[in-house]
Amino acid sequence: MKKIIIFLLLTAVIYSQDKDPYEMLDRVKAKYDQIEDYEVDVTISIDVNFLKMPDSKAKIFFKKPDKVRLKSEGFAMLPRNGVNFSPAALLNGEYDALYTGSEDIEGKQYEVVKVIPKNDSSGVILTTLKIDPENDVVSFVESTTKNTGSFEVAVKYTEIDSYHLPQEVVLSFNMGDIHIPKAAAAQFDRGDDNEEESGKDDKDKMKGTVRIFYKNYKVNIGLSDDIFVEEEKEMKK
């Protein structure tokens, strides 16, 4: 399957490979690597087809390379990868990269690079990154996985002390053939008044959107590892 994808992509971009995608991705990684740690307040808005819940507020702690803690007084359902959006995490392993040209989105040009991981353990088959060439940051991500469907990420950035950090992240996902068990869906308020439709829980597919709004960043402040040890203890309780 992966060999077929590589062949098709090579055929499609053989005449547009006029820029080095690896150099472009190295600049992106270097930009994100400037951030050693941060803490930030977030508001999380969730719109999922099988559940209805109010917005929640939380605080996110991040420390390079991959320590993340979400601290919330209430319930905050959020994928771990969505908490600390960093396209650099997709580029830590070995991969093949192909430059497929530029794309105009709302009057701004983005460079498009397709990334195919060489390691199957990630579960990702293909990721398309749309890079802002002026700031060397990824503004859009489209990713397809082997078992958990597809997801898209759109990021708006803010500049703080010369660092480009997410101001708003919109994560859209479609789990494809993964169905929500009837018993699990019944635990949530679906907001569906149609009993006939509500009875089809076992055939629902998980899809929806998560929006995260960030404010009050504190960047490169030397966060202690103890912050993340606390989370590990809480998870073991």
C-alpha atoms as a PDB file:
ATOM      1  CA  MET A   1       0.000   0.000   0.000  1.00  0.00           C
ATOM      2  CA  LYS A   2       2.723   2.450   0.999  1.00  0.00           C
ATOM      3  CA  LYS A   3       4.758   1.648  -2.149  1.00  0.00           C
ATOM      4  CA  ILE A   4       1.714   2.394  -4.323  1.00  0.00           C
ATOM      5  CA  ILE A   5       1.226   5.762  -2.587  1.00  0.00           C
ATOM      6  CA  ILE A   6       4.888   6.673  -3.090  1.00  0.00           C
ATOM      7  CA  PHE A   7       4.708   5.727  -6.798  1.00  0.00           C
ATOM      8  CA  LEU A   8       1.572   7.800  -7.390  1.00  0.00           C
ATOM      9  CA  LEU A   9       3.025  10.812  -5.594  1.00  0.00           C
ATOM     10  CA  LEU A  10       6.290  10.579  -7.509  1.00  0.00           C
ATOM     11  CA  THR A  11       4.339  10.471 -10.769  1.00  0.00           C
ATOM     12  CA  ALA A  12       2.262  13.495  -9.760  1.00  0.00           C
ATOM     13  CA  VAL A  13       5.146  15.721  -8.667  1.00  0.00           C
ATOM     14  CA  ILE A  14       7.984  14.693 -10.949  1.00  0.00           C
ATOM     15  CA  TYR A  15       7.791  18.054 -12.734  1.00  0.00           C
ATOM     16  CA  SER A  16       7.185  20.208  -9.639  1.00  0.00           C
ATOM     17  CA  GLN A  17      10.066  19.020  -7.455  1.00  0.00           C
ATOM     18  CA  ASP A  18      11.946  22.291  -7.903  1.00  0.00           C
ATOM     19  CA  LYS A  19      12.382  22.886  -4.159  1.00  0.00           C
ATOM     20  CA  ASP A  20      14.025  20.635  -1.593  1.00  0.00           C
ATOM     21  CA  PRO A  21      11.291  19.417   0.801  1.00  0.00           C
ATOM     22  CA  TYR A  22      13.842  18.180   3.337  1.00  0.00           C
ATOM     23  CA  GLU A  23      15.390  21.640   3.649  1.00  0.00           C
ATOM     24  CA  MET A  24      11.928  23.114   4.121  1.00  0.00           C
ATOM     25  CA  LEU A  25      11.093  20.599   6.860  1.00  0.00           C
ATOM     26  CA  ASP A  26      14.452  21.148   8.561  1.00  0.00           C
ATOM     27  CA  ARG A  27      13.643  24.864   8.816  1.00  0.00           C
ATOM     28  CA  VAL A  28      10.259  24.017  10.317  1.00  0.00           C
ATOM     29  CA  LYS A  29      11.830  21.718  12.920  1.00  0.00           C
ATOM     30  CA  ALA A  30      14.459  24.329  13.780  1.00  0.00           C
ATOM     31  CA  LYS A  31      11.712  26.904  14.339  1.00  0.00           C
ATOM     32  CA  TYR A  32       9.796  24.676  16.763  1.00  0.00           C
ATOM     33  CA  ASP A  33      13.010  23.570  18.498  1.00  0.00           C
ATOM     34  CA  GLN A  34      13.523  27.142  19.731  1.00  0.00           C
ATOM     35  CA  ILE A  35      10.747  26.542  22.248  1.00  0.00           C
ATOM     36  CA  GLU A  36      12.105  24.760  25.323  1.00  0.00           C
ATOM     37  CA  ASP A  37       8.921  24.934  27.389  1.00  0.00           C
ATOM     38  CA  TYR A  38       5.786  26.945  28.024  1.00  0.00           C
ATOM     39  CA  GLU A  39       2.591  27.166  30.003  1.00  0.00           C
ATOM     40  CA  VAL A  40      -0.596  28.619  28.607  1.00  0.00           C
ATOM     41  CA  ASP A  41      -4.298  29.005  29.420  1.00  0.00           C
ATOM     42  CA  VAL A  42      -6.696  27.366  26.974  1.00  0.00           C
ATOM     43  CA  THR A  43     -10.398  27.213  26.271  1.00  0.00           C
ATOM     44  CA  ILE A  44     -11.529  23.950  24.685  1.00  0.00           C
ATOM     45  CA  SER A  45     -14.652  23.699  22.566  1.00  0.00           C
ATOM     46  CA  ILE A  46     -15.775  20.217  21.493  1.00  0.00           C
ATOM     47  CA  ASP A  47     -18.306  19.370  18.822  1.00  0.00           C
ATOM     48  CA  VAL A  48     -18.552  15.594  18.375  1.00  0.00           C
ATOM     49  CA  ASN A  49     -21.430  13.783  16.718  1.00  0.00           C
ATOM     50  CA  PHE A  50     -22.229  11.543  19.691  1.00  0.00           C
ATOM     51  CA  LEU A  51     -21.750  13.922  22.607  1.00  0.00           C
ATOM     52  CA  LYS A  52     -22.688  17.412  23.698  1.00  0.00           C
ATOM     53  CA  MET A  53     -20.750  19.266  26.380  1.00  0.00           C
ATOM     54  CA  PRO A  54     -19.962  22.851  27.413  1.00  0.00           C
ATOM     55  CA  ASP A  55     -16.650  24.577  26.744  1.00  0.00           C
ATOM     56  CA  SER A  56     -13.960  23.856  29.304  1.00  0.00           C
ATOM     57  CA  LYS A  57     -10.951  25.836  30.522  1.00  0.00           C
ATOM     58  CA  ALA A  58      -7.566  24.367  31.333  1.00  0.00           C
ATOM     59  CA  LYS A  59      -3.867  25.077  31.572  1.00  0.00           C
ATOM     60  CA  ILE A  60      -1.316  23.321  29.372  1.00  0.00           C
ATOM     61  CA  PHE A  61       2.306  22.734  30.371  1.00  0.00           C
ATOM     62  CA  PHE A  62       4.851  21.667  27.745  1.00  0.00           C
ATOM     63  CA  LYS A  63       8.528  20.793  28.013  1.00  0.00           C
ATOM     64  CA  LYS A  64      10.743  19.653  25.173  1.00  0.00           C
ATOM     65  CA  PRO A  65      10.874  17.124  23.674  1.00  0.00           C
ATOM     66  CA  ASP A  66       7.456  15.642  24.449  1.00  0.00           C
ATOM     67  CA  LYS A  67       6.351  16.265  28.041  1.00  0.00           C
ATOM     68  CA  VAL A  68       2.793  17.581  28.162  1.00  0.00           C
ATOM     69  CA  ARG A  69       0.346  18.116  31.002  1.00  0.00           C
ATOM     70  CA  LEU A  70      -3.246  19.277  30.761  1.00  0.00           C
ATOM     71  CA  LYS A  71      -4.501  20.632  34.086  1.00  0.00           C
ATOM     72  CA  SER A  72      -8.238  21.157  34.329  1.00  0.00           C
ATOM     73  CA  GLU A  73     -10.657  21.475  37.237  1.00  0.00           C
ATOM     74  CA  GLY A  74     -13.426  19.900  35.189  1.00  0.00           C
ATOM     75  CA  PHE A  75     -13.613  17.234  32.518  1.00  0.00           C
ATOM     76  CA  ALA A  76     -11.665  18.036  29.373  1.00  0.00           C
ATOM     77  CA  MET A  77     -11.807  15.429  26.637  1.00  0.00           C
ATOM     78  CA  LEU A  78      -8.903  16.161  24.357  1.00  0.00           C
ATOM     79  CA  PRO A  79      -6.568  13.933  22.321  1.00  0.00           C
ATOM     80  CA  ARG A  80      -3.012  14.088  23.660  1.00  0.00           C
ATOM     81  CA  ASN A  81      -1.694  15.060  20.233  1.00  0.00           C
ATOM     82  CA  GLY A  82      -4.182  17.913  20.134  1.00  0.00           C
ATOM     83  CA  VAL A  83      -3.004  19.363  23.442  1.00  0.00           C
ATOM     84  CA  ASN A  84       0.430  20.340  22.224  1.00  0.00           C
ATOM     85  CA  PHE A  85       0.254  20.808  18.489  1.00  0.00           C
ATOM     86  CA  SER A  86       3.716  20.407  17.025  1.00  0.00           C
ATOM     87  CA  PRO A  87       4.214  19.219  13.456  1.00  0.00           C
ATOM     88  CA  ALA A  88       7.836  18.591  14.422  1.00  0.00           C
ATOM     89  CA  ALA A  89       6.598  15.496  16.272  1.00  0.00           C
ATOM     90  CA  LEU A  90       5.593  14.034  12.906  1.00  0.00           C
ATOM     91  CA  LEU A  91       9.141  14.523  11.649  1.00  0.00           C
ATOM     92  CA  ASN A  92      11.147  12.885  14.412  1.00  0.00           C
ATOM     93  CA  GLY A  93      11.463   9.532  12.656  1.00  0.00           C
ATOM     94  CA  GLU A  94      12.622   8.621   9.169  1.00  0.00           C
ATOM     95  CA  TYR A  95      10.363   9.621   6.312  1.00  0.00           C
ATOM     96  CA  ASP A  96      10.122  10.293   2.595  1.00  0.00           C
ATOM     97  CA  ALA A  97       9.140  13.830   1.636  1.00  0.00           C
ATOM     98  CA  LEU A  98       7.826  15.236  -1.626  1.00  0.00           C
ATOM     99  CA  TYR A  99       7.279  18.879  -2.556  1.00  0.00           C
ATOM    100  CA  THR A 100       4.089  19.179  -4.624  1.00  0.00           C
ATOM    101  CA  GLY A 101       3.986  22.924  -5.263  1.00  0.00           C
ATOM    102  CA  SER A 102       2.285  25.901  -3.658  1.00  0.00           C
ATOM    103  CA  GLU A 103      -1.368  26.462  -2.775  1.00  0.00           C
ATOM    104  CA  ASP A 104      -3.310  29.688  -2.372  1.00  0.00           C
ATOM    105  CA  ILE A 105      -5.511  29.752   0.730  1.00  0.00           C
ATOM    106  CA  GLU A 106      -7.446  32.945   1.363  1.00  0.00           C
ATOM    107  CA  GLY A 107      -4.949  34.998  -0.624  1.00  0.00           C
ATOM    108  CA  LYS A 108      -1.809  33.583   1.017  1.00  0.00           C
ATOM    109  CA  GLN A 109       0.627  31.137  -0.583  1.00  0.00           C
ATOM    110  CA  TYR A 110       1.635  27.981   1.259  1.00  0.00           C
ATOM    111  CA  GLU A 111       4.245  25.402   0.281  1.00  0.00           C
ATOM    112  CA  VAL A 112       2.818  21.867   0.189  1.00  0.00           C
ATOM    113  CA  VAL A 113       4.926  18.903   1.306  1.00  0.00           C
ATOM    114  CA  LYS A 114       3.727  15.330   1.564  1.00  0.00           C
ATOM    115  CA  VAL A 115       5.376  13.164   4.220  1.00  0.00           C
ATOM    116  CA  ILE A 116       5.356   9.356   4.232  1.00  0.00           C
ATOM    117  CA  PRO A 117       6.764   7.776   7.443  1.00  0.00           C
ATOM    118  CA  LYS A 118       9.114   4.842   6.923  1.00  0.00           C
ATOM    119  CA  ASN A 119       8.208   3.374  10.288  1.00  0.00           C
ATOM    120  CA  ASP A 120       4.814   1.670  10.333  1.00  0.00           C
ATOM    121  CA  SER A 121       4.577   1.906  14.131  1.00  0.00           C
ATOM    122  CA  SER A 122       3.252   5.466  13.909  1.00  0.00           C
ATOM    123  CA  GLY A 123       0.084   4.243  12.207  1.00  0.00           C
ATOM    124  CA  VAL A 124       0.220   7.212   9.804  1.00  0.00           C
ATOM    125  CA  ILE A 125       0.155   6.421   6.099  1.00  0.00           C
ATOM    126  CA  LEU A 126       0.415   9.901   4.619  1.00  0.00           C
ATOM    127  CA  THR A 127       0.552  13.459   5.947  1.00  0.00           C
ATOM    128  CA  THR A 128       0.207  16.639   3.921  1.00  0.00           C
ATOM    129  CA  LEU A 129       1.798  19.739   5.459  1.00  0.00           C
ATOM    130  CA  LYS A 130       1.024  23.240   4.228  1.00  0.00           C
ATOM    131  CA  ILE A 131       3.862  25.488   5.308  1.00  0.00           C
ATOM    132  CA  ASP A 132       3.909  29.252   5.715  1.00  0.00           C
ATOM    133  CA  PRO A 133       7.233  30.041   3.954  1.00  0.00           C
ATOM    134  CA  GLU A 134       7.529  33.478   5.551  1.00  0.00           C
ATOM    135  CA  ASN A 135       7.615  32.111   9.095  1.00  0.00           C
ATOM    136  CA  ASP A 136       8.577  28.438   8.560  1.00  0.00           C
ATOM    137  CA  VAL A 137       5.569  27.125  10.469  1.00  0.00           C
ATOM    138  CA  VAL A 138       2.946  24.568   9.496  1.00  0.00           C
ATOM    139  CA  SER A 139      -0.500  26.115   9.149  1.00  0.00           C
ATOM    140  CA  PHE A 140      -2.454  23.118   7.859  1.00  0.00           C
ATOM    141  CA  VAL A 141      -2.107  19.375   8.340  1.00  0.00           C
ATOM    142  CA  GLU A 142      -4.047  16.593   6.624  1.00  0.00           C
ATOM    143  CA  SER A 143      -3.231  13.095   7.836  1.00  0.00           C
ATOM    144  CA  THR A 144      -4.474   9.609   6.994  1.00  0.00           C
ATOM    145  CA  THR A 145      -3.918   6.677   9.345  1.00  0.00           C
ATOM    146  CA  LYS A 146      -4.174   2.915   8.889  1.00  0.00           C
ATOM    147  CA  ASN A 147      -6.737   2.204  11.584  1.00  0.00           C
ATOM    148  CA  THR A 148      -8.205   5.402  12.999  1.00  0.00           C
ATOM    149  CA  GLY A 149      -9.443   7.312   9.980  1.00  0.00           C
ATOM    150  CA  SER A 150      -8.236  10.784   9.061  1.00  0.00           C
ATOM    151  CA  PHE A 151      -7.822  14.163  10.693  1.00  0.00           C
ATOM    152  CA  GLU A 152      -7.128  17.745   9.679  1.00  0.00           C
ATOM    153  CA  VAL A 153      -5.547  20.541  11.694  1.00  0.00           C
ATOM    154  CA  ALA A 154      -5.672  24.271  10.995  1.00  0.00           C
ATOM    155  CA  VAL A 155      -3.499  26.608  13.071  1.00  0.00           C
ATOM    156  CA  LYS A 156      -3.504  30.363  13.562  1.00  0.00           C
ATOM    157  CA  TYR A 157      -0.349  31.680  15.201  1.00  0.00           C
ATOM    158  CA  THR A 158       0.601  34.533  17.480  1.00  0.00           C
ATOM    159  CA  GLU A 159       4.121  35.918  17.866  1.00  0.00           C
ATOM    160  CA  ILE A 160       5.463  36.184  21.413  1.00  0.00           C
ATOM    161  CA  ASP A 161       9.072  37.263  21.994  1.00  0.00           C
ATOM    162  CA  SER A 162       9.904  36.243  18.391  1.00  0.00           C
ATOM    163  CA  TYR A 163       8.396  32.770  18.911  1.00  0.00           C
ATOM    164  CA  HIS A 164       5.478  31.667  16.772  1.00  0.00           C
ATOM    165  CA  LEU A 165       2.966  29.838  18.954  1.00  0.00           C
ATOM    166  CA  PRO A 166      -0.583  28.589  18.314  1.00  0.00           C
ATOM    167  CA  GLN A 167      -3.329  31.104  19.024  1.00  0.00           C
ATOM    168  CA  GLU A 168      -6.119  28.850  17.759  1.00  0.00           C
ATOM    169  CA  VAL A 169      -6.035  25.194  16.708  1.00  0.00           C
ATOM    170  CA  VAL A 170      -8.953  23.516  14.961  1.00  0.00           C
ATOM    171  CA  LEU A 171      -8.724  19.724  14.914  1.00  0.00           C
ATOM    172  CA  SER A 172     -11.261  17.960  12.671  1.00  0.00           C
ATOM    173  CA  PHE A 173     -11.417  14.185  12.645  1.00  0.00           C
ATOM    174  CA  ASN A 174     -13.333  11.382  11.000  1.00  0.00           C
ATOM    175  CA  MET A 175     -12.733   7.919  12.390  1.00  0.00           C
ATOM    176  CA  GLY A 176     -14.124   6.215   9.294  1.00  0.00           C
ATOM    177  CA  ASP A 177     -15.286   2.702  10.050  1.00  0.00           C
ATOM    178  CA  ILE A 178     -14.784   2.987  13.808  1.00  0.00           C
ATOM    179  CA  HIS A 179     -18.274   2.846  15.296  1.00  0.00           C
ATOM    180  CA  ILE A 180     -19.367   4.147  18.682  1.00  0.00           C
ATOM    181  CA  PRO A 181     -20.674   1.324  20.897  1.00  0.00           C
ATOM    182  CA  LYS A 182     -24.296   1.887  21.925  1.00  0.00           C
ATOM    183  CA  ALA A 183     -23.435   1.580  25.620  1.00  0.00           C
ATOM    184  CA  ALA A 184     -20.665   4.184  25.357  1.00  0.00           C
ATOM    185  CA  ALA A 185     -22.737   6.676  23.402  1.00  0.00           C
ATOM    186  CA  ALA A 186     -25.577   6.367  25.923  1.00  0.00           C
ATOM    187  CA  GLN A 187     -23.341   7.881  28.626  1.00  0.00           C
ATOM    188  CA  PHE A 188     -23.375  11.266  26.887  1.00  0.00           C
ATOM    189  CA  ASP A 189     -26.020  13.795  25.961  1.00  0.00           C
ATOM    190  CA  ARG A 190     -26.152  13.518  22.188  1.00  0.00           C
ATOM    191  CA  GLY A 191     -28.503  16.481  21.867  1.00  0.00           C
ATOM    192  CA  ASP A 192     -30.634  14.325  19.562  1.00  0.00           C
ATOM    193  CA  ASP A 193     -34.383  14.505  20.174  1.00  0.00           C
ATOM    194  CA  ASN A 194     -35.184  11.944  17.495  1.00  0.00           C
ATOM    195  CA  GLU A 195     -35.535   8.638  19.332  1.00  0.00           C
ATOM    196  CA  GLU A 196     -35.548   6.660  16.100  1.00  0.00           C
ATOM    197  CA  GLU A 197     -32.228   8.140  15.038  1.00  0.00           C
ATOM    198  CA  SER A 198     -30.825   7.897  18.565  1.00  0.00           C
ATOM    199  CA  GLY A 199     -31.440   4.164  18.499  1.00  0.00           C
ATOM    200  CA  LYS A 200     -28.805   3.805  15.813  1.00  0.00           C
ATOM    201  CA  ASP A 201     -25.921   4.462  18.218  1.00  0.00           C
ATOM    202  CA  ASP A 202     -24.076   1.308  17.276  1.00  0.00           C
ATOM    203  CA  LYS A 203     -23.835   2.525  13.685  1.00  0.00           C
ATOM    204  CA  ASP A 204     -22.565   6.034  14.452  1.00  0.00           C
ATOM    205  CA  LYS A 205     -19.090   6.921  13.310  1.00  0.00           C
ATOM    206  CA  MET A 206     -16.939   9.128  15.481  1.00  0.00           C
ATOM    207  CA  LYS A 207     -16.374  12.469  13.791  1.00  0.00           C
ATOM    208  CA  GLY A 208     -16.247  16.015  14.956  1.00  0.00           C
ATOM    209  CA  THR A 209     -14.213  19.128  15.669  1.00  0.00           C
ATOM    210  CA  VAL A 210     -12.130  20.283  18.619  1.00  0.00           C
ATOM    211  CA  ARG A 211     -11.220  23.985  18.878  1.00  0.00           C
ATOM    212  CA  ILE A 212      -8.520  25.156  21.263  1.00  0.00           C
ATOM    213  CA  PHE A 213      -7.980  28.844  22.016  1.00  0.00           C
ATOM    214  CA  TYR A 214      -4.681  29.844  23.668  1.00  0.00           C
ATOM    215  CA  LYS A 215      -3.824  32.933  25.739  1.00  0.00           C
ATOM    216  CA  ASN A 216      -1.421  34.118  28.473  1.00  0.00           C
ATOM    217  CA  TYR A 217       1.666  32.282  27.237  1.00  0.00           C
ATOM    218  CA  LYS A 218       4.767  32.024  29.399  1.00  0.00           C
ATOM    219  CA  VAL A 219       7.597  30.777  27.178  1.00  0.00           C
ATOM    220  CA  ASN A 220      10.996  29.270  28.066  1.00  0.00           C
ATOM    221  CA  ILE A 221      10.579  29.793  31.793  1.00  0.00           C
ATOM    222  CA  GLY A 222      12.443  26.661  32.906  1.00  0.00           C
ATOM    223  CA  LEU A 223       9.523  24.443  33.903  1.00  0.00           C
ATOM    224  CA  SER A 224      10.344  21.825  36.517  1.00  0.00           C
ATOM    225  CA  ASP A 225      10.023  18.121  35.666  1.00  0.00           C
ATOM    226  CA  ASP A 226       8.012  17.792  38.891  1.00  0.00           C
ATOM    227  CA  ILE A 227       4.992  19.268  37.098  1.00  0.00           C
ATOM    228  CA  PHE A 228       4.871  16.276  34.783  1.00  0.00           C
ATOM    229  CA  VAL A 229       5.662  13.753  37.529  1.00  0.00           C
ATOM    230  CA  GLU A 230       2.514  14.936  39.334  1.00  0.00           C
ATOM    231  CA  GLU A 231       0.429  14.023  36.304  1.00  0.00           C
ATOM    232  CA  GLU A 232       1.945  10.536  36.158  1.00  0.00           C
ATOM    233  CA  LYS A 233       1.025  10.002  39.822  1.00  0.00           C
ATOM    234  CA  GLU A 234      -2.528  11.217  39.222  1.00  0.00           C
ATOM    235  CA  MET A 235      -2.954   8.855  36.274  1.00  0.00           C
ATOM    236  CA  LYS A 236      -1.871   5.882  38.422  1.00  0.00           C
ATOM    237  CA  LYS A 237      -4.483   6.576  41.123  1.00  0.00           C
END
